Amino acid sequence: MTGLIIKDLLNLKKQGKIYLLLVVFYFAMGLVNENTSMFTSMMTMVAVLIPLTAMAYDERSKWDRYALTMPISRKNMVMSRYLLGLIFLIVAFVLSMLVNMVISNMKTAENTLVVLGGFSTGLMLMSVIFPLLFKFGVEKGRIFMMIVIFIPVAALMMISKLGISMPDEEIIKSVIYLSPIIGAVIFLISIYVSLWIYKKKEF
C-alpha cells in the first residue's frame, strides 16, 4: 500500500505548484483579514480534491486494469485512496491550527472549533464522494461531488430565507466537538461500501 501512495504522490508532483500557490494565496488572505476561516475551508477542499486528482490520473492511464494483473489486492487499491485523503486532511488540519495560532484574531477555543469543523467536513465529504468515484468513475464523480457540496449550502440558504431559527450556540459547539467522532464512523462505513463496490467492479 505504501508503494501505491508513493506512486500517487509522484503523479501529483505535476499539480504540486498549483496547490502550493493556493496555500500561499489563502494564507495571505487570512493574514490581511486576520481571519483564517477561509484558509481552513480551502485547505479542507484541497485535501479532498487531491485523491480525486490522483484517481483522475489513474483513470486516464487505465492504471487499475494494469495494477490488478499484479499482486496488488483490490482492498489495498481502495485503502490507499482513503489513506491518501486522510494524510492530506491531517496536513490541512495541522496547517490550519498553526496558521490560526499565528495570525487569527479569534480566541483559541473558537479557532479549534473552526478547524475541527473543517476536518470533520473533509471526512464526511470524502466519505460520500469516494464510493461514488469507485462506482461511476472520476468524470461522473465530479458532478456528484458538486451536488454533494451544493445540497447543504442550498439547505442553509433556504433555512435563512425561511427565517428558521438556528440551534443554541452551545448545542452547535457540542455538535462540532463531537463531529470528528461522527465523521470517523461515517468514514469507516464509507470504506466498507467502497470495498464492496470495487470488489464487484469489472475493468
N, C-alpha and C. Protein backbone atom coordinates (compact mmCIF):
# COMPACT_ATOMS: atom_id res chain seq x y z
N MET A 1 0.82 -1.21 0.00
CA MET A 1 0.00 0.00 0.00
C MET A 1 0.86 1.27 0.00
N THR A 2 2.01 1.18 0.68
CA THR A 2 2.93 2.32 0.70
C THR A 2 3.38 2.69 -0.71
N GLY A 3 3.64 1.65 -1.52
CA GLY A 3 4.06 1.89 -2.90
C GLY A 3 2.98 2.60 -3.70
N LEU A 4 1.71 2.27 -3.45
CA LEU A 4 0.60 2.92 -4.16
C LEU A 4 0.51 4.40 -3.79
N ILE A 5 0.73 4.70 -2.51
CA ILE A 5 0.67 6.10 -2.07
C ILE A 5 1.84 6.90 -2.65
N ILE A 6 3.03 6.28 -2.66
CA ILE A 6 4.21 6.95 -3.25
C ILE A 6 3.97 7.23 -4.73
N LYS A 7 3.37 6.25 -5.42
CA LYS A 7 3.04 6.43 -6.84
C LYS A 7 2.11 7.62 -7.05
N ASP A 8 1.09 7.74 -6.18
CA ASP A 8 0.16 8.87 -6.27
C ASP A 8 0.87 10.20 -6.00
N LEU A 9 1.74 10.21 -5.02
CA LEU A 9 2.47 11.44 -4.68
C LEU A 9 3.36 11.88 -5.84
N LEU A 10 3.99 10.92 -6.51
CA LEU A 10 4.83 11.25 -7.66
C LEU A 10 3.99 11.81 -8.81
N ASN A 11 2.81 11.22 -9.02
CA ASN A 11 1.91 11.73 -10.06
C ASN A 11 1.43 13.14 -9.73
N LEU A 12 1.22 13.39 -8.45
CA LEU A 12 0.66 14.68 -8.02
C LEU A 12 1.70 15.81 -8.03
N LYS A 13 2.96 15.46 -8.27
CA LYS A 13 4.00 16.50 -8.34
C LYS A 13 3.67 17.52 -9.42
N LYS A 14 2.99 17.08 -10.47
CA LYS A 14 2.62 17.99 -11.56
C LYS A 14 1.69 19.10 -11.07
N GLN A 15 0.83 18.74 -10.11
CA GLN A 15 -0.14 19.71 -9.57
C GLN A 15 0.37 20.38 -8.30
N GLY A 16 1.55 19.96 -7.83
CA GLY A 16 2.07 20.45 -6.56
C GLY A 16 2.20 21.96 -6.48
N LYS A 17 2.67 22.59 -7.57
CA LYS A 17 2.86 24.05 -7.57
C LYS A 17 1.52 24.78 -7.46
N ILE A 18 0.49 24.22 -8.11
CA ILE A 18 -0.84 24.85 -8.05
C ILE A 18 -1.37 24.80 -6.62
N TYR A 19 -1.25 23.64 -5.98
CA TYR A 19 -1.72 23.51 -4.61
C TYR A 19 -0.93 24.42 -3.66
N LEU A 20 0.37 24.51 -3.89
CA LEU A 20 1.21 25.37 -3.06
C LEU A 20 0.81 26.84 -3.22
N LEU A 21 0.53 27.25 -4.46
CA LEU A 21 0.07 28.62 -4.70
C LEU A 21 -1.25 28.90 -4.00
N LEU A 22 -2.15 27.92 -3.98
CA LEU A 22 -3.42 28.07 -3.27
C LEU A 22 -3.20 28.27 -1.78
N VAL A 23 -2.29 27.47 -1.21
CA VAL A 23 -1.98 27.60 0.22
C VAL A 23 -1.45 28.99 0.53
N VAL A 24 -0.49 29.46 -0.29
CA VAL A 24 0.11 30.78 -0.07
C VAL A 24 -0.94 31.88 -0.24
N PHE A 25 -1.78 31.76 -1.26
CA PHE A 25 -2.80 32.78 -1.53
C PHE A 25 -3.78 32.92 -0.37
N TYR A 26 -4.31 31.79 0.10
CA TYR A 26 -5.30 31.86 1.18
C TYR A 26 -4.66 32.18 2.53
N PHE A 27 -3.38 31.85 2.68
CA PHE A 27 -2.65 32.29 3.87
C PHE A 27 -2.54 33.82 3.87
N ALA A 28 -2.20 34.38 2.70
CA ALA A 28 -2.09 35.85 2.58
C ALA A 28 -3.44 36.52 2.83
N MET A 29 -4.52 35.90 2.32
CA MET A 29 -5.86 36.43 2.54
C MET A 29 -6.19 36.45 4.03
N GLY A 30 -5.85 35.37 4.71
CA GLY A 30 -6.10 35.30 6.15
C GLY A 30 -5.26 36.30 6.92
N LEU A 31 -4.02 36.50 6.45
CA LEU A 31 -3.13 37.46 7.11
C LEU A 31 -3.65 38.88 6.99
N VAL A 32 -4.14 39.23 5.81
CA VAL A 32 -4.68 40.58 5.58
C VAL A 32 -5.96 40.80 6.39
N ASN A 33 -6.83 39.81 6.40
CA ASN A 33 -8.13 39.95 7.07
C ASN A 33 -8.10 39.56 8.55
N GLU A 34 -6.97 38.99 9.00
CA GLU A 34 -6.84 38.49 10.36
C GLU A 34 -7.96 37.51 10.72
N ASN A 35 -8.36 36.74 9.72
CA ASN A 35 -9.40 35.73 9.91
C ASN A 35 -9.05 34.54 9.03
N THR A 36 -8.88 33.40 9.64
CA THR A 36 -8.37 32.23 8.90
C THR A 36 -9.45 31.22 8.56
N SER A 37 -10.71 31.58 8.71
CA SER A 37 -11.80 30.64 8.38
C SER A 37 -11.73 30.22 6.92
N MET A 38 -11.47 31.19 6.03
CA MET A 38 -11.37 30.89 4.60
C MET A 38 -10.19 29.96 4.33
N PHE A 39 -9.07 30.19 5.01
CA PHE A 39 -7.89 29.34 4.85
C PHE A 39 -8.23 27.90 5.23
N THR A 40 -8.89 27.72 6.37
CA THR A 40 -9.27 26.39 6.83
C THR A 40 -10.20 25.70 5.84
N SER A 41 -11.18 26.45 5.33
CA SER A 41 -12.14 25.89 4.37
C SER A 41 -11.45 25.43 3.10
N MET A 42 -10.55 26.27 2.59
CA MET A 42 -9.88 25.95 1.33
C MET A 42 -8.88 24.80 1.50
N MET A 43 -8.19 24.74 2.64
CA MET A 43 -7.28 23.63 2.88
C MET A 43 -8.05 22.31 2.95
N THR A 44 -9.24 22.36 3.53
CA THR A 44 -10.08 21.17 3.58
C THR A 44 -10.46 20.73 2.17
N MET A 45 -10.86 21.67 1.33
CA MET A 45 -11.25 21.35 -0.04
C MET A 45 -10.07 20.80 -0.84
N VAL A 46 -8.89 21.38 -0.65
CA VAL A 46 -7.68 20.90 -1.33
C VAL A 46 -7.40 19.45 -0.93
N ALA A 47 -7.52 19.17 0.38
CA ALA A 47 -7.28 17.81 0.88
C ALA A 47 -8.25 16.81 0.26
N VAL A 48 -9.48 17.23 0.04
CA VAL A 48 -10.48 16.36 -0.58
C VAL A 48 -10.20 16.18 -2.07
N LEU A 49 -9.74 17.24 -2.72
CA LEU A 49 -9.52 17.20 -4.18
C LEU A 49 -8.27 16.41 -4.57
N ILE A 50 -7.29 16.34 -3.69
CA ILE A 50 -6.02 15.68 -4.03
C ILE A 50 -6.22 14.20 -4.40
N PRO A 51 -6.89 13.39 -3.57
CA PRO A 51 -7.10 11.99 -4.00
C PRO A 51 -7.96 11.88 -5.25
N LEU A 52 -8.89 12.81 -5.44
CA LEU A 52 -9.70 12.82 -6.65
C LEU A 52 -8.82 13.04 -7.88
N THR A 53 -7.85 13.95 -7.76
CA THR A 53 -6.90 14.20 -8.86
C THR A 53 -6.07 12.96 -9.14
N ALA A 54 -5.62 12.29 -8.07
CA ALA A 54 -4.83 11.06 -8.23
C ALA A 54 -5.64 10.00 -8.96
N MET A 55 -6.91 9.88 -8.61
CA MET A 55 -7.78 8.90 -9.27
C MET A 55 -8.01 9.26 -10.73
N ALA A 56 -8.07 10.56 -11.02
CA ALA A 56 -8.26 11.01 -12.41
C ALA A 56 -7.06 10.60 -13.27
N TYR A 57 -5.84 10.77 -12.74
CA TYR A 57 -4.64 10.35 -13.47
C TYR A 57 -4.69 8.84 -13.76
N ASP A 58 -5.07 8.07 -12.74
CA ASP A 58 -5.10 6.61 -12.90
C ASP A 58 -6.18 6.18 -13.89
N GLU A 59 -7.32 6.85 -13.84
CA GLU A 59 -8.40 6.50 -14.75
C GLU A 59 -8.01 6.78 -16.19
N ARG A 60 -7.31 7.91 -16.40
CA ARG A 60 -6.89 8.29 -17.75
C ARG A 60 -5.88 7.29 -18.31
N SER A 61 -5.02 6.79 -17.45
CA SER A 61 -3.98 5.86 -17.92
C SER A 61 -4.39 4.39 -17.78
N LYS A 62 -5.65 4.16 -17.32
CA LYS A 62 -6.17 2.81 -17.10
C LYS A 62 -5.27 2.02 -16.14
N TRP A 63 -4.82 2.69 -15.10
CA TRP A 63 -3.89 2.11 -14.13
C TRP A 63 -4.52 0.91 -13.40
N ASP A 64 -5.78 1.04 -13.00
CA ASP A 64 -6.40 -0.02 -12.20
C ASP A 64 -6.38 -1.36 -12.92
N ARG A 65 -6.70 -1.33 -14.22
CA ARG A 65 -6.72 -2.56 -15.01
C ARG A 65 -5.33 -3.21 -15.02
N TYR A 66 -4.30 -2.39 -15.14
CA TYR A 66 -2.92 -2.90 -15.15
C TYR A 66 -2.50 -3.38 -13.76
N ALA A 67 -2.82 -2.58 -12.73
CA ALA A 67 -2.39 -2.89 -11.37
C ALA A 67 -2.96 -4.21 -10.87
N LEU A 68 -4.19 -4.51 -11.28
CA LEU A 68 -4.85 -5.72 -10.79
C LEU A 68 -4.32 -6.99 -11.45
N THR A 69 -3.44 -6.84 -12.45
CA THR A 69 -2.76 -8.01 -13.01
C THR A 69 -1.52 -8.35 -12.18
N MET A 70 -1.15 -7.45 -11.27
CA MET A 70 0.00 -7.65 -10.39
C MET A 70 -0.51 -8.12 -9.02
N PRO A 71 0.40 -8.53 -8.14
CA PRO A 71 -0.04 -8.98 -6.81
C PRO A 71 -0.45 -7.80 -5.90
N ILE A 72 -1.43 -7.04 -6.36
CA ILE A 72 -1.97 -5.92 -5.58
C ILE A 72 -3.45 -6.22 -5.36
N SER A 73 -3.86 -6.26 -4.12
CA SER A 73 -5.25 -6.61 -3.83
C SER A 73 -6.17 -5.42 -4.07
N ARG A 74 -7.42 -5.71 -4.34
CA ARG A 74 -8.42 -4.65 -4.52
C ARG A 74 -8.59 -3.87 -3.22
N LYS A 75 -8.44 -4.56 -2.11
CA LYS A 75 -8.55 -3.89 -0.81
C LYS A 75 -7.49 -2.81 -0.67
N ASN A 76 -6.25 -3.13 -1.04
CA ASN A 76 -5.17 -2.15 -0.95
C ASN A 76 -5.38 -0.98 -1.91
N MET A 77 -5.94 -1.26 -3.07
CA MET A 77 -6.24 -0.19 -4.03
C MET A 77 -7.21 0.82 -3.43
N VAL A 78 -8.24 0.31 -2.76
CA VAL A 78 -9.24 1.20 -2.14
C VAL A 78 -8.65 1.90 -0.93
N MET A 79 -7.99 1.14 -0.07
CA MET A 79 -7.47 1.72 1.18
C MET A 79 -6.42 2.79 0.91
N SER A 80 -5.65 2.63 -0.17
CA SER A 80 -4.63 3.64 -0.47
C SER A 80 -5.26 4.99 -0.79
N ARG A 81 -6.44 4.98 -1.43
CA ARG A 81 -7.15 6.23 -1.74
C ARG A 81 -7.60 6.93 -0.46
N TYR A 82 -8.19 6.15 0.42
CA TYR A 82 -8.67 6.72 1.68
C TYR A 82 -7.50 7.22 2.53
N LEU A 83 -6.42 6.45 2.54
CA LEU A 83 -5.27 6.84 3.34
C LEU A 83 -4.64 8.12 2.79
N LEU A 84 -4.57 8.22 1.46
CA LEU A 84 -4.03 9.43 0.84
C LEU A 84 -4.86 10.65 1.23
N GLY A 85 -6.19 10.52 1.13
CA GLY A 85 -7.06 11.63 1.53
C GLY A 85 -6.91 11.97 2.99
N LEU A 86 -6.80 10.96 3.84
CA LEU A 86 -6.66 11.19 5.28
C LEU A 86 -5.35 11.88 5.61
N ILE A 87 -4.27 11.48 4.94
CA ILE A 87 -2.96 12.11 5.17
C ILE A 87 -3.04 13.61 4.88
N PHE A 88 -3.60 13.97 3.74
CA PHE A 88 -3.67 15.38 3.37
C PHE A 88 -4.68 16.14 4.22
N LEU A 89 -5.70 15.46 4.70
CA LEU A 89 -6.65 16.10 5.60
C LEU A 89 -6.00 16.41 6.95
N ILE A 90 -5.16 15.52 7.42
CA ILE A 90 -4.42 15.76 8.67
C ILE A 90 -3.43 16.90 8.47
N VAL A 91 -2.76 16.93 7.30
CA VAL A 91 -1.84 18.04 7.00
C VAL A 91 -2.60 19.37 6.99
N ALA A 92 -3.80 19.37 6.38
CA ALA A 92 -4.63 20.58 6.35
C ALA A 92 -5.03 21.00 7.76
N PHE A 93 -5.34 20.02 8.60
CA PHE A 93 -5.72 20.29 9.99
C PHE A 93 -4.57 20.95 10.76
N VAL A 94 -3.37 20.37 10.62
CA VAL A 94 -2.19 20.90 11.34
C VAL A 94 -1.84 22.30 10.83
N LEU A 95 -1.84 22.47 9.50
CA LEU A 95 -1.55 23.79 8.93
C LEU A 95 -2.55 24.84 9.41
N SER A 96 -3.82 24.47 9.42
CA SER A 96 -4.87 25.40 9.85
C SER A 96 -4.69 25.79 11.31
N MET A 97 -4.37 24.81 12.15
CA MET A 97 -4.15 25.10 13.57
C MET A 97 -2.97 26.05 13.76
N LEU A 98 -1.88 25.79 13.04
CA LEU A 98 -0.69 26.64 13.17
C LEU A 98 -0.96 28.06 12.68
N VAL A 99 -1.62 28.16 11.53
CA VAL A 99 -1.94 29.48 10.97
C VAL A 99 -2.89 30.23 11.89
N ASN A 100 -3.88 29.53 12.44
CA ASN A 100 -4.82 30.16 13.35
C ASN A 100 -4.13 30.73 14.59
N MET A 101 -3.17 29.97 15.11
CA MET A 101 -2.47 30.42 16.31
C MET A 101 -1.61 31.65 16.03
N VAL A 102 -1.10 31.75 14.79
CA VAL A 102 -0.18 32.84 14.45
C VAL A 102 -0.90 34.12 14.07
N ILE A 103 -1.92 34.02 13.21
CA ILE A 103 -2.45 35.27 12.63
C ILE A 103 -3.92 35.55 12.94
N SER A 104 -4.65 34.58 13.51
CA SER A 104 -6.07 34.81 13.72
C SER A 104 -6.33 35.71 14.93
N ASN A 105 -7.36 36.53 14.84
CA ASN A 105 -7.74 37.36 15.98
C ASN A 105 -8.83 36.72 16.82
N MET A 106 -9.19 35.48 16.48
CA MET A 106 -10.18 34.76 17.26
C MET A 106 -9.53 34.09 18.47
N LYS A 107 -10.34 33.76 19.47
CA LYS A 107 -9.85 33.07 20.65
C LYS A 107 -9.48 31.63 20.28
N THR A 108 -8.62 31.03 21.12
CA THR A 108 -8.14 29.67 20.85
C THR A 108 -9.30 28.69 20.72
N ALA A 109 -10.29 28.79 21.61
CA ALA A 109 -11.43 27.88 21.57
C ALA A 109 -12.20 28.01 20.27
N GLU A 110 -12.38 29.25 19.80
CA GLU A 110 -13.10 29.48 18.54
C GLU A 110 -12.31 28.93 17.36
N ASN A 111 -10.99 29.15 17.39
CA ASN A 111 -10.12 28.61 16.33
C ASN A 111 -10.22 27.09 16.26
N THR A 112 -10.19 26.47 17.44
CA THR A 112 -10.26 25.00 17.50
C THR A 112 -11.57 24.50 16.90
N LEU A 113 -12.65 25.20 17.21
CA LEU A 113 -13.96 24.83 16.66
C LEU A 113 -13.97 24.91 15.13
N VAL A 114 -13.39 25.99 14.60
CA VAL A 114 -13.34 26.18 13.15
C VAL A 114 -12.55 25.06 12.49
N VAL A 115 -11.38 24.73 13.05
CA VAL A 115 -10.52 23.71 12.45
C VAL A 115 -11.13 22.32 12.59
N LEU A 116 -11.72 22.03 13.75
CA LEU A 116 -12.39 20.75 13.94
C LEU A 116 -13.56 20.60 12.96
N GLY A 117 -14.29 21.69 12.78
CA GLY A 117 -15.39 21.68 11.83
C GLY A 117 -14.91 21.40 10.41
N GLY A 118 -13.79 22.04 10.04
CA GLY A 118 -13.21 21.81 8.71
C GLY A 118 -12.75 20.38 8.53
N PHE A 119 -12.08 19.83 9.54
CA PHE A 119 -11.58 18.45 9.48
C PHE A 119 -12.74 17.46 9.33
N SER A 120 -13.78 17.66 10.15
CA SER A 120 -14.94 16.77 10.11
C SER A 120 -15.69 16.87 8.78
N THR A 121 -15.78 18.10 8.25
CA THR A 121 -16.41 18.29 6.95
C THR A 121 -15.65 17.54 5.87
N GLY A 122 -14.32 17.61 5.92
CA GLY A 122 -13.49 16.89 4.96
C GLY A 122 -13.71 15.38 5.04
N LEU A 123 -13.77 14.86 6.27
CA LEU A 123 -14.02 13.42 6.45
C LEU A 123 -15.35 13.01 5.82
N MET A 124 -16.38 13.82 6.09
CA MET A 124 -17.72 13.48 5.59
C MET A 124 -17.81 13.62 4.07
N LEU A 125 -17.16 14.64 3.54
CA LEU A 125 -17.16 14.81 2.07
C LEU A 125 -16.50 13.62 1.39
N MET A 126 -15.33 13.22 1.88
CA MET A 126 -14.65 12.07 1.30
C MET A 126 -15.48 10.80 1.45
N SER A 127 -16.15 10.69 2.61
CA SER A 127 -16.96 9.50 2.87
C SER A 127 -18.10 9.35 1.87
N VAL A 128 -18.65 10.47 1.45
CA VAL A 128 -19.76 10.43 0.48
C VAL A 128 -19.23 10.31 -0.95
N ILE A 129 -18.16 11.03 -1.25
CA ILE A 129 -17.67 11.12 -2.64
C ILE A 129 -16.94 9.86 -3.08
N PHE A 130 -16.11 9.27 -2.22
CA PHE A 130 -15.28 8.15 -2.64
C PHE A 130 -16.08 6.95 -3.19
N PRO A 131 -17.14 6.51 -2.49
CA PRO A 131 -17.92 5.40 -3.08
C PRO A 131 -18.49 5.75 -4.45
N LEU A 132 -18.88 7.00 -4.64
CA LEU A 132 -19.41 7.44 -5.95
C LEU A 132 -18.33 7.39 -7.01
N LEU A 133 -17.10 7.78 -6.64
CA LEU A 133 -15.98 7.74 -7.58
C LEU A 133 -15.66 6.30 -7.98
N PHE A 134 -15.66 5.39 -7.00
CA PHE A 134 -15.37 3.99 -7.31
C PHE A 134 -16.48 3.37 -8.15
N LYS A 135 -17.70 3.83 -7.96
CA LYS A 135 -18.83 3.27 -8.69
C LYS A 135 -18.93 3.83 -10.11
N PHE A 136 -18.84 5.15 -10.24
CA PHE A 136 -19.14 5.80 -11.53
C PHE A 136 -17.91 6.34 -12.26
N GLY A 137 -16.74 6.37 -11.61
CA GLY A 137 -15.56 6.95 -12.23
C GLY A 137 -15.43 8.43 -11.88
N VAL A 138 -14.29 9.00 -12.22
CA VAL A 138 -13.97 10.36 -11.79
C VAL A 138 -14.82 11.40 -12.51
N GLU A 139 -15.03 11.25 -13.81
CA GLU A 139 -15.76 12.28 -14.56
C GLU A 139 -17.18 12.46 -14.03
N LYS A 140 -17.91 11.37 -13.91
CA LYS A 140 -19.26 11.45 -13.33
C LYS A 140 -19.18 11.78 -11.85
N GLY A 141 -18.14 11.29 -11.20
CA GLY A 141 -17.98 11.53 -9.76
C GLY A 141 -17.84 13.00 -9.44
N ARG A 142 -17.21 13.77 -10.34
CA ARG A 142 -17.07 15.21 -10.12
C ARG A 142 -18.44 15.90 -10.08
N ILE A 143 -19.33 15.44 -10.94
CA ILE A 143 -20.68 16.01 -10.96
C ILE A 143 -21.38 15.72 -9.64
N PHE A 144 -21.25 14.48 -9.17
CA PHE A 144 -21.87 14.12 -7.89
C PHE A 144 -21.24 14.92 -6.74
N MET A 145 -19.93 15.17 -6.83
CA MET A 145 -19.26 15.94 -5.79
C MET A 145 -19.85 17.34 -5.69
N MET A 146 -20.07 17.97 -6.83
CA MET A 146 -20.65 19.31 -6.84
C MET A 146 -22.06 19.29 -6.24
N ILE A 147 -22.80 18.22 -6.52
CA ILE A 147 -24.14 18.09 -5.95
C ILE A 147 -24.07 17.93 -4.44
N VAL A 148 -23.12 17.10 -3.99
CA VAL A 148 -22.94 16.86 -2.55
C VAL A 148 -22.60 18.16 -1.82
N ILE A 149 -21.76 19.00 -2.45
CA ILE A 149 -21.38 20.28 -1.84
C ILE A 149 -22.54 21.27 -1.90
N PHE A 150 -23.28 21.25 -3.02
CA PHE A 150 -24.34 22.23 -3.24
C PHE A 150 -25.53 22.02 -2.30
N ILE A 151 -25.89 20.77 -2.02
CA ILE A 151 -27.09 20.49 -1.23
C ILE A 151 -27.07 21.13 0.16
N PRO A 152 -26.00 20.94 0.98
CA PRO A 152 -26.01 21.59 2.30
C PRO A 152 -25.97 23.11 2.22
N VAL A 153 -25.24 23.65 1.21
CA VAL A 153 -25.20 25.11 1.04
C VAL A 153 -26.58 25.64 0.71
N ALA A 154 -27.27 24.96 -0.21
CA ALA A 154 -28.63 25.37 -0.59
C ALA A 154 -29.58 25.25 0.60
N ALA A 155 -29.40 24.18 1.40
CA ALA A 155 -30.25 23.98 2.57
C ALA A 155 -30.09 25.10 3.58
N LEU A 156 -28.83 25.51 3.82
CA LEU A 156 -28.57 26.61 4.76
C LEU A 156 -29.17 27.92 4.26
N MET A 157 -29.05 28.17 2.95
CA MET A 157 -29.63 29.38 2.38
C MET A 157 -31.15 29.38 2.51
N MET A 158 -31.76 28.21 2.30
CA MET A 158 -33.21 28.10 2.40
C MET A 158 -33.67 28.33 3.84
N ILE A 159 -32.92 27.76 4.78
CA ILE A 159 -33.26 27.93 6.20
C ILE A 159 -33.22 29.39 6.60
N SER A 160 -32.16 30.10 6.13
CA SER A 160 -32.04 31.53 6.47
C SER A 160 -33.15 32.36 5.85
N LYS A 161 -33.56 32.01 4.63
CA LYS A 161 -34.63 32.77 3.96
C LYS A 161 -36.00 32.49 4.58
N LEU A 162 -36.17 31.28 5.09
CA LEU A 162 -37.45 30.93 5.71
C LEU A 162 -37.56 31.46 7.14
N GLY A 163 -36.46 32.01 7.62
CA GLY A 163 -36.48 32.59 8.96
C GLY A 163 -36.48 31.57 10.07
N ILE A 164 -36.03 30.35 9.75
CA ILE A 164 -35.96 29.30 10.78
C ILE A 164 -34.80 29.60 11.72
N SER A 165 -35.06 29.60 13.00
CA SER A 165 -34.02 29.94 13.97
C SER A 165 -32.99 28.82 14.08
N MET A 166 -31.74 29.22 14.23
CA MET A 166 -30.65 28.26 14.37
C MET A 166 -30.63 27.70 15.80
N PRO A 167 -30.06 26.51 15.98
CA PRO A 167 -29.96 25.95 17.34
C PRO A 167 -29.12 26.84 18.25
N ASP A 168 -29.26 26.63 19.53
CA ASP A 168 -28.49 27.38 20.52
C ASP A 168 -26.98 27.22 20.27
N GLU A 169 -26.22 28.27 20.56
CA GLU A 169 -24.78 28.27 20.30
C GLU A 169 -24.07 27.13 21.01
N GLU A 170 -24.48 26.83 22.24
CA GLU A 170 -23.85 25.74 22.99
C GLU A 170 -24.11 24.39 22.34
N ILE A 171 -25.29 24.23 21.78
CA ILE A 171 -25.62 22.98 21.08
C ILE A 171 -24.75 22.82 19.84
N ILE A 172 -24.57 23.93 19.09
CA ILE A 172 -23.72 23.91 17.89
C ILE A 172 -22.29 23.55 18.26
N LYS A 173 -21.79 24.14 19.35
CA LYS A 173 -20.42 23.84 19.80
C LYS A 173 -20.27 22.36 20.16
N SER A 174 -21.27 21.83 20.87
CA SER A 174 -21.23 20.42 21.27
C SER A 174 -21.20 19.51 20.06
N VAL A 175 -22.01 19.86 19.04
CA VAL A 175 -22.06 19.06 17.81
C VAL A 175 -20.71 19.09 17.10
N ILE A 176 -20.09 20.29 17.04
CA ILE A 176 -18.79 20.41 16.36
C ILE A 176 -17.71 19.61 17.09
N TYR A 177 -17.73 19.65 18.43
CA TYR A 177 -16.74 18.87 19.19
C TYR A 177 -16.92 17.37 18.98
N LEU A 178 -18.17 16.96 18.77
CA LEU A 178 -18.45 15.53 18.53
C LEU A 178 -18.27 15.14 17.06
N SER A 179 -18.23 16.14 16.18
CA SER A 179 -18.22 15.87 14.75
C SER A 179 -17.04 15.00 14.26
N PRO A 180 -15.83 15.11 14.85
CA PRO A 180 -14.76 14.20 14.38
C PRO A 180 -15.10 12.73 14.63
N ILE A 181 -15.78 12.45 15.73
CA ILE A 181 -16.16 11.06 16.03
C ILE A 181 -17.22 10.60 15.03
N ILE A 182 -18.21 11.47 14.80
CA ILE A 182 -19.26 11.16 13.82
C ILE A 182 -18.64 10.96 12.44
N GLY A 183 -17.72 11.88 12.08
CA GLY A 183 -17.05 11.79 10.78
C GLY A 183 -16.25 10.51 10.64
N ALA A 184 -15.57 10.10 11.73
CA ALA A 184 -14.75 8.88 11.69
C ALA A 184 -15.62 7.64 11.47
N VAL A 185 -16.78 7.61 12.12
CA VAL A 185 -17.70 6.47 11.96
C VAL A 185 -18.20 6.39 10.52
N ILE A 186 -18.60 7.55 9.97
CA ILE A 186 -19.08 7.60 8.58
C ILE A 186 -17.95 7.22 7.62
N PHE A 187 -16.73 7.65 7.93
CA PHE A 187 -15.55 7.34 7.12
C PHE A 187 -15.32 5.83 7.05
N LEU A 188 -15.44 5.15 8.19
CA LEU A 188 -15.25 3.70 8.24
C LEU A 188 -16.34 2.98 7.45
N ILE A 189 -17.58 3.45 7.60
CA ILE A 189 -18.68 2.86 6.83
C ILE A 189 -18.43 3.03 5.34
N SER A 190 -17.94 4.22 4.96
CA SER A 190 -17.65 4.52 3.56
C SER A 190 -16.59 3.58 3.00
N ILE A 191 -15.58 3.26 3.80
CA ILE A 191 -14.54 2.33 3.35
C ILE A 191 -15.13 0.98 3.00
N TYR A 192 -16.01 0.48 3.86
CA TYR A 192 -16.64 -0.82 3.61
C TYR A 192 -17.52 -0.78 2.36
N VAL A 193 -18.22 0.32 2.17
CA VAL A 193 -19.07 0.47 0.97
C VAL A 193 -18.20 0.47 -0.29
N SER A 194 -17.10 1.25 -0.25
CA SER A 194 -16.20 1.32 -1.41
C SER A 194 -15.55 -0.03 -1.70
N LEU A 195 -15.17 -0.75 -0.65
CA LEU A 195 -14.59 -2.09 -0.84
C LEU A 195 -15.59 -3.02 -1.52
N TRP A 196 -16.83 -2.94 -1.09
CA TRP A 196 -17.89 -3.78 -1.68
C TRP A 196 -18.09 -3.43 -3.16
N ILE A 197 -18.10 -2.13 -3.46
CA ILE A 197 -18.27 -1.67 -4.86
C ILE A 197 -17.09 -2.12 -5.72
N TYR A 198 -15.87 -1.89 -5.21
CA TYR A 198 -14.67 -2.14 -6.01
C TYR A 198 -14.44 -3.64 -6.25
N LYS A 199 -14.83 -4.46 -5.27
CA LYS A 199 -14.65 -5.90 -5.45
C LYS A 199 -15.54 -6.44 -6.56
N LYS A 200 -16.68 -5.79 -6.81
CA LYS A 200 -17.61 -6.24 -7.84
C LYS A 200 -17.36 -5.56 -9.19
N LYS A 201 -16.48 -4.56 -9.20
CA LYS A 201 -16.26 -3.79 -10.42
C LYS A 201 -15.40 -4.55 -11.43
N GLU A 202 -15.78 -4.44 -12.69
CA GLU A 202 -15.00 -5.07 -13.77
C GLU A 202 -14.27 -4.01 -14.56
N PHE A 203 -13.04 -4.33 -15.00
CA PHE A 203 -12.23 -3.37 -15.76
C PHE A 203 -11.91 -3.93 -17.15
